[in-house]
Protein backbone atom coordinates (compact mmCIF):
# COMPACT_ATOMS: atom_id res chain seq x y z
CA UNK A 1 0.00 0.00 0.00
CA UNK A 2 1.44 3.36 -1.04
CA UNK A 3 0.30 6.92 -0.50
CA UNK A 4 0.95 8.95 -3.64
CA UNK A 5 0.75 12.66 -4.32
CA UNK A 6 0.70 12.87 -8.12
CA UNK A 7 -1.88 14.60 -10.25
CA UNK A 8 -3.37 11.14 -10.85
CA UNK A 9 -3.00 7.86 -8.96
CA UNK A 10 -0.53 6.64 -11.62
CA UNK A 11 1.47 9.86 -12.07
CA UNK A 12 4.45 8.72 -10.00
CA UNK A 13 6.64 5.67 -9.73
CA UNK A 14 6.60 3.86 -6.41
CA UNK A 15 9.41 2.25 -4.44
CA UNK A 16 9.49 -1.54 -4.42
CA UNK A 17 12.26 -2.59 -2.04
CA UNK A 18 12.58 -4.17 1.36
CA UNK A 19 14.74 -3.34 4.37
CA UNK A 20 16.28 -6.79 4.72
CA UNK A 21 19.83 -7.09 5.92
CA UNK A 22 22.62 -6.97 3.36
CA UNK A 23 23.69 -10.55 4.09
CA UNK A 24 25.54 -13.05 1.89
CA UNK A 25 22.13 -14.42 0.87
CA UNK A 26 21.09 -10.96 -0.39
CA UNK A 27 24.45 -9.79 -1.72
CA UNK A 28 23.39 -9.68 -5.37
CA UNK A 29 20.04 -8.03 -4.64
CA UNK A 30 21.26 -4.64 -3.38
CA UNK A 31 20.58 -1.81 -5.85
CA UNK A 32 20.13 1.31 -3.78
CA UNK A 33 21.19 0.44 -0.26
CA UNK A 34 17.98 -1.54 0.20
CA UNK A 35 17.46 -5.12 -0.89
CA UNK A 36 15.29 -5.82 -3.94
CA UNK A 37 12.75 -8.61 -3.86
CA UNK A 38 13.71 -11.86 -5.57
CA UNK A 39 11.69 -13.04 -8.55
CA UNK A 40 10.93 -16.29 -6.73
CA UNK A 41 9.08 -14.53 -3.89
CA UNK A 42 5.83 -13.76 -5.78
CA UNK A 43 3.70 -14.79 -8.71
CA UNK A 44 1.86 -11.45 -8.67
CA UNK A 45 2.21 -8.23 -6.70
CA UNK A 46 -0.91 -6.35 -5.64
CA UNK A 47 -0.35 -2.63 -5.20
CA UNK A 48 -2.83 -0.32 -3.50
CA UNK A 49 -2.50 3.39 -4.29
CA UNK A 50 -4.09 6.08 -2.15
CA UNK A 51 -3.76 9.53 -3.71
CA UNK A 52 -3.61 12.11 -0.92
CA UNK A 53 -2.49 15.11 -2.99
CA UNK A 54 -5.84 16.91 -2.89
CA UNK A 55 -7.67 15.11 -0.11
CA UNK A 56 -6.18 13.14 2.80
CA UNK A 57 -9.69 11.93 3.68
CA UNK A 58 -9.35 9.35 0.87
CA UNK A 59 -7.33 7.27 3.31
CA UNK A 60 -10.55 6.47 5.17
CA UNK A 61 -12.48 5.19 2.12
CA UNK A 62 -11.08 2.20 0.24
CA UNK A 63 -13.60 2.83 -2.56
CA UNK A 64 -11.44 5.83 -3.54
CA UNK A 65 -8.23 3.82 -3.81
CA UNK A 66 -6.69 2.29 -6.94
CA UNK A 67 -5.57 -1.33 -7.13
CA UNK A 68 -3.09 -2.98 -9.50
CA UNK A 69 -2.28 -6.65 -9.92
CA UNK A 70 1.13 -7.01 -11.56
CA UNK A 71 2.59 -10.32 -12.79
CA UNK A 72 6.13 -10.89 -11.58
CA UNK A 73 7.33 -11.17 -15.19
CA UNK A 74 6.78 -7.41 -15.56
CA UNK A 75 8.92 -6.63 -12.51
CA UNK A 76 12.10 -8.52 -13.40
CA UNK A 77 15.20 -6.32 -13.46
CA UNK A 78 16.81 -6.68 -16.91
CA UNK A 79 20.33 -6.22 -15.51
CA UNK A 80 19.99 -8.54 -12.51
CA UNK A 81 17.68 -11.32 -13.69
CA UNK A 82 17.16 -12.83 -10.23
CA UNK A 83 15.84 -9.55 -8.78
CA UNK A 84 12.81 -7.36 -9.16
CA UNK A 85 13.15 -3.73 -10.16
CA UNK A 86 13.43 -1.30 -7.25
CA UNK A 87 10.82 1.15 -8.61
CA UNK A 88 7.50 0.39 -10.32
CA UNK A 89 6.84 2.87 -13.11
CA UNK A 90 3.53 4.64 -13.75
CA UNK A 91 3.25 2.75 -17.05
CA UNK A 92 3.37 -0.64 -15.29
CA UNK A 93 0.91 0.51 -12.63
CA UNK A 94 -1.63 1.84 -15.12
CA UNK A 95 -1.31 -1.18 -17.42
CA UNK A 96 -2.22 -3.51 -14.54
CA UNK A 97 -5.10 -1.51 -13.05
CA UNK A 98 -7.97 -3.56 -11.67
CA UNK A 99 -11.14 -1.99 -13.04
CA UNK A 100 -13.90 -2.69 -10.52
CA UNK A 101 -16.42 -0.75 -12.62
CA UNK A 102 -16.28 -3.23 -15.49
CA UNK A 103 -19.54 -5.10 -15.89
CA UNK A 104 -19.16 -8.85 -16.18
CA UNK A 105 -21.89 -10.58 -18.17
CA UNK A 106 -22.33 -14.28 -17.55
C-alpha atoms as a PDB file:
ATOM      1  CA  UNK A   1       0.000   0.000   0.000  1.00  0.00           C
ATOM      2  CA  UNK A   2       1.438   3.361  -1.035  1.00  0.00           C
ATOM      3  CA  UNK A   3       0.301   6.924  -0.504  1.00  0.00           C
ATOM      4  CA  UNK A   4       0.952   8.946  -3.640  1.00  0.00           C
ATOM      5  CA  UNK A   5       0.749  12.659  -4.321  1.00  0.00           C
ATOM      6  CA  UNK A   6       0.702  12.868  -8.119  1.00  0.00           C
ATOM      7  CA  UNK A   7      -1.881  14.601 -10.254  1.00  0.00           C
ATOM      8  CA  UNK A   8      -3.366  11.137 -10.854  1.00  0.00           C
ATOM      9  CA  UNK A   9      -2.998   7.856  -8.964  1.00  0.00           C
ATOM     10  CA  UNK A  10      -0.532   6.645 -11.624  1.00  0.00           C
ATOM     11  CA  UNK A  11       1.473   9.856 -12.073  1.00  0.00           C
ATOM     12  CA  UNK A  12       4.449   8.719  -9.998  1.00  0.00           C
ATOM     13  CA  UNK A  13       6.639   5.673  -9.730  1.00  0.00           C
ATOM     14  CA  UNK A  14       6.597   3.857  -6.410  1.00  0.00           C
ATOM     15  CA  UNK A  15       9.414   2.250  -4.438  1.00  0.00           C
ATOM     16  CA  UNK A  16       9.489  -1.539  -4.423  1.00  0.00           C
ATOM     17  CA  UNK A  17      12.265  -2.588  -2.040  1.00  0.00           C
ATOM     18  CA  UNK A  18      12.583  -4.174   1.359  1.00  0.00           C
ATOM     19  CA  UNK A  19      14.743  -3.335   4.369  1.00  0.00           C
ATOM     20  CA  UNK A  20      16.282  -6.789   4.724  1.00  0.00           C
ATOM     21  CA  UNK A  21      19.835  -7.087   5.916  1.00  0.00           C
ATOM     22  CA  UNK A  22      22.625  -6.969   3.365  1.00  0.00           C
ATOM     23  CA  UNK A  23      23.687 -10.549   4.089  1.00  0.00           C
ATOM     24  CA  UNK A  24      25.545 -13.049   1.888  1.00  0.00           C
ATOM     25  CA  UNK A  25      22.129 -14.420   0.872  1.00  0.00           C
ATOM     26  CA  UNK A  26      21.085 -10.964  -0.385  1.00  0.00           C
ATOM     27  CA  UNK A  27      24.453  -9.788  -1.719  1.00  0.00           C
ATOM     28  CA  UNK A  28      23.395  -9.681  -5.371  1.00  0.00           C
ATOM     29  CA  UNK A  29      20.039  -8.027  -4.643  1.00  0.00           C
ATOM     30  CA  UNK A  30      21.257  -4.640  -3.380  1.00  0.00           C
ATOM     31  CA  UNK A  31      20.577  -1.809  -5.845  1.00  0.00           C
ATOM     32  CA  UNK A  32      20.127   1.311  -3.776  1.00  0.00           C
ATOM     33  CA  UNK A  33      21.192   0.437  -0.259  1.00  0.00           C
ATOM     34  CA  UNK A  34      17.982  -1.540   0.202  1.00  0.00           C
ATOM     35  CA  UNK A  35      17.458  -5.118  -0.893  1.00  0.00           C
ATOM     36  CA  UNK A  36      15.289  -5.822  -3.938  1.00  0.00           C
ATOM     37  CA  UNK A  37      12.754  -8.610  -3.865  1.00  0.00           C
ATOM     38  CA  UNK A  38      13.711 -11.855  -5.569  1.00  0.00           C
ATOM     39  CA  UNK A  39      11.691 -13.037  -8.548  1.00  0.00           C
ATOM     40  CA  UNK A  40      10.932 -16.286  -6.731  1.00  0.00           C
ATOM     41  CA  UNK A  41       9.083 -14.529  -3.894  1.00  0.00           C
ATOM     42  CA  UNK A  42       5.835 -13.764  -5.778  1.00  0.00           C
ATOM     43  CA  UNK A  43       3.703 -14.788  -8.711  1.00  0.00           C
ATOM     44  CA  UNK A  44       1.858 -11.454  -8.673  1.00  0.00           C
ATOM     45  CA  UNK A  45       2.211  -8.232  -6.699  1.00  0.00           C
ATOM     46  CA  UNK A  46      -0.913  -6.348  -5.637  1.00  0.00           C
ATOM     47  CA  UNK A  47      -0.355  -2.630  -5.199  1.00  0.00           C
ATOM     48  CA  UNK A  48      -2.832  -0.317  -3.496  1.00  0.00           C
ATOM     49  CA  UNK A  49      -2.503   3.391  -4.290  1.00  0.00           C
ATOM     50  CA  UNK A  50      -4.088   6.081  -2.146  1.00  0.00           C
ATOM     51  CA  UNK A  51      -3.755   9.526  -3.709  1.00  0.00           C
ATOM     52  CA  UNK A  52      -3.610  12.108  -0.921  1.00  0.00           C
ATOM     53  CA  UNK A  53      -2.487  15.114  -2.986  1.00  0.00           C
ATOM     54  CA  UNK A  54      -5.835  16.908  -2.886  1.00  0.00           C
ATOM     55  CA  UNK A  55      -7.669  15.108  -0.111  1.00  0.00           C
ATOM     56  CA  UNK A  56      -6.179  13.144   2.801  1.00  0.00           C
ATOM     57  CA  UNK A  57      -9.687  11.934   3.682  1.00  0.00           C
ATOM     58  CA  UNK A  58      -9.351   9.353   0.870  1.00  0.00           C
ATOM     59  CA  UNK A  59      -7.327   7.269   3.315  1.00  0.00           C
ATOM     60  CA  UNK A  60     -10.554   6.473   5.170  1.00  0.00           C
ATOM     61  CA  UNK A  61     -12.483   5.187   2.124  1.00  0.00           C
ATOM     62  CA  UNK A  62     -11.077   2.197   0.238  1.00  0.00           C
ATOM     63  CA  UNK A  63     -13.604   2.830  -2.565  1.00  0.00           C
ATOM     64  CA  UNK A  64     -11.444   5.826  -3.542  1.00  0.00           C
ATOM     65  CA  UNK A  65      -8.230   3.819  -3.815  1.00  0.00           C
ATOM     66  CA  UNK A  66      -6.692   2.286  -6.940  1.00  0.00           C
ATOM     67  CA  UNK A  67      -5.568  -1.331  -7.132  1.00  0.00           C
ATOM     68  CA  UNK A  68      -3.088  -2.978  -9.501  1.00  0.00           C
ATOM     69  CA  UNK A  69      -2.279  -6.653  -9.916  1.00  0.00           C
ATOM     70  CA  UNK A  70       1.129  -7.007 -11.556  1.00  0.00           C
ATOM     71  CA  UNK A  71       2.588 -10.318 -12.791  1.00  0.00           C
ATOM     72  CA  UNK A  72       6.127 -10.892 -11.576  1.00  0.00           C
ATOM     73  CA  UNK A  73       7.325 -11.168 -15.193  1.00  0.00           C
ATOM     74  CA  UNK A  74       6.782  -7.405 -15.561  1.00  0.00           C
ATOM     75  CA  UNK A  75       8.918  -6.628 -12.515  1.00  0.00           C
ATOM     76  CA  UNK A  76      12.104  -8.521 -13.397  1.00  0.00           C
ATOM     77  CA  UNK A  77      15.203  -6.321 -13.458  1.00  0.00           C
ATOM     78  CA  UNK A  78      16.809  -6.682 -16.910  1.00  0.00           C
ATOM     79  CA  UNK A  79      20.328  -6.225 -15.512  1.00  0.00           C
ATOM     80  CA  UNK A  80      19.987  -8.542 -12.508  1.00  0.00           C
ATOM     81  CA  UNK A  81      17.681 -11.325 -13.692  1.00  0.00           C
ATOM     82  CA  UNK A  82      17.165 -12.828 -10.231  1.00  0.00           C
ATOM     83  CA  UNK A  83      15.840  -9.551  -8.784  1.00  0.00           C
ATOM     84  CA  UNK A  84      12.806  -7.363  -9.160  1.00  0.00           C
ATOM     85  CA  UNK A  85      13.148  -3.726 -10.158  1.00  0.00           C
ATOM     86  CA  UNK A  86      13.426  -1.300  -7.246  1.00  0.00           C
ATOM     87  CA  UNK A  87      10.818   1.146  -8.607  1.00  0.00           C
ATOM     88  CA  UNK A  88       7.503   0.392 -10.316  1.00  0.00           C
ATOM     89  CA  UNK A  89       6.841   2.869 -13.111  1.00  0.00           C
ATOM     90  CA  UNK A  90       3.531   4.640 -13.750  1.00  0.00           C
ATOM     91  CA  UNK A  91       3.254   2.749 -17.048  1.00  0.00           C
ATOM     92  CA  UNK A  92       3.366  -0.637 -15.295  1.00  0.00           C
ATOM     93  CA  UNK A  93       0.914   0.514 -12.627  1.00  0.00           C
ATOM     94  CA  UNK A  94      -1.625   1.838 -15.118  1.00  0.00           C
ATOM     95  CA  UNK A  95      -1.306  -1.181 -17.418  1.00  0.00           C
ATOM     96  CA  UNK A  96      -2.218  -3.506 -14.541  1.00  0.00           C
ATOM     97  CA  UNK A  97      -5.096  -1.509 -13.051  1.00  0.00           C
ATOM     98  CA  UNK A  98      -7.969  -3.556 -11.671  1.00  0.00           C
ATOM     99  CA  UNK A  99     -11.145  -1.989 -13.042  1.00  0.00           C
ATOM    100  CA  UNK A 100     -13.895  -2.689 -10.518  1.00  0.00           C
ATOM    101  CA  UNK A 101     -16.420  -0.746 -12.620  1.00  0.00           C
ATOM    102  CA  UNK A 102     -16.275  -3.230 -15.491  1.00  0.00           C
ATOM    103  CA  UNK A 103     -19.541  -5.099 -15.889  1.00  0.00           C
ATOM    104  CA  UNK A 104     -19.158  -8.852 -16.177  1.00  0.00           C
ATOM    105  CA  UNK A 105     -21.891 -10.577 -18.172  1.00  0.00           C
ATOM    106  CA  UNK A 106     -22.333 -14.284 -17.555  1.00  0.00           C
END
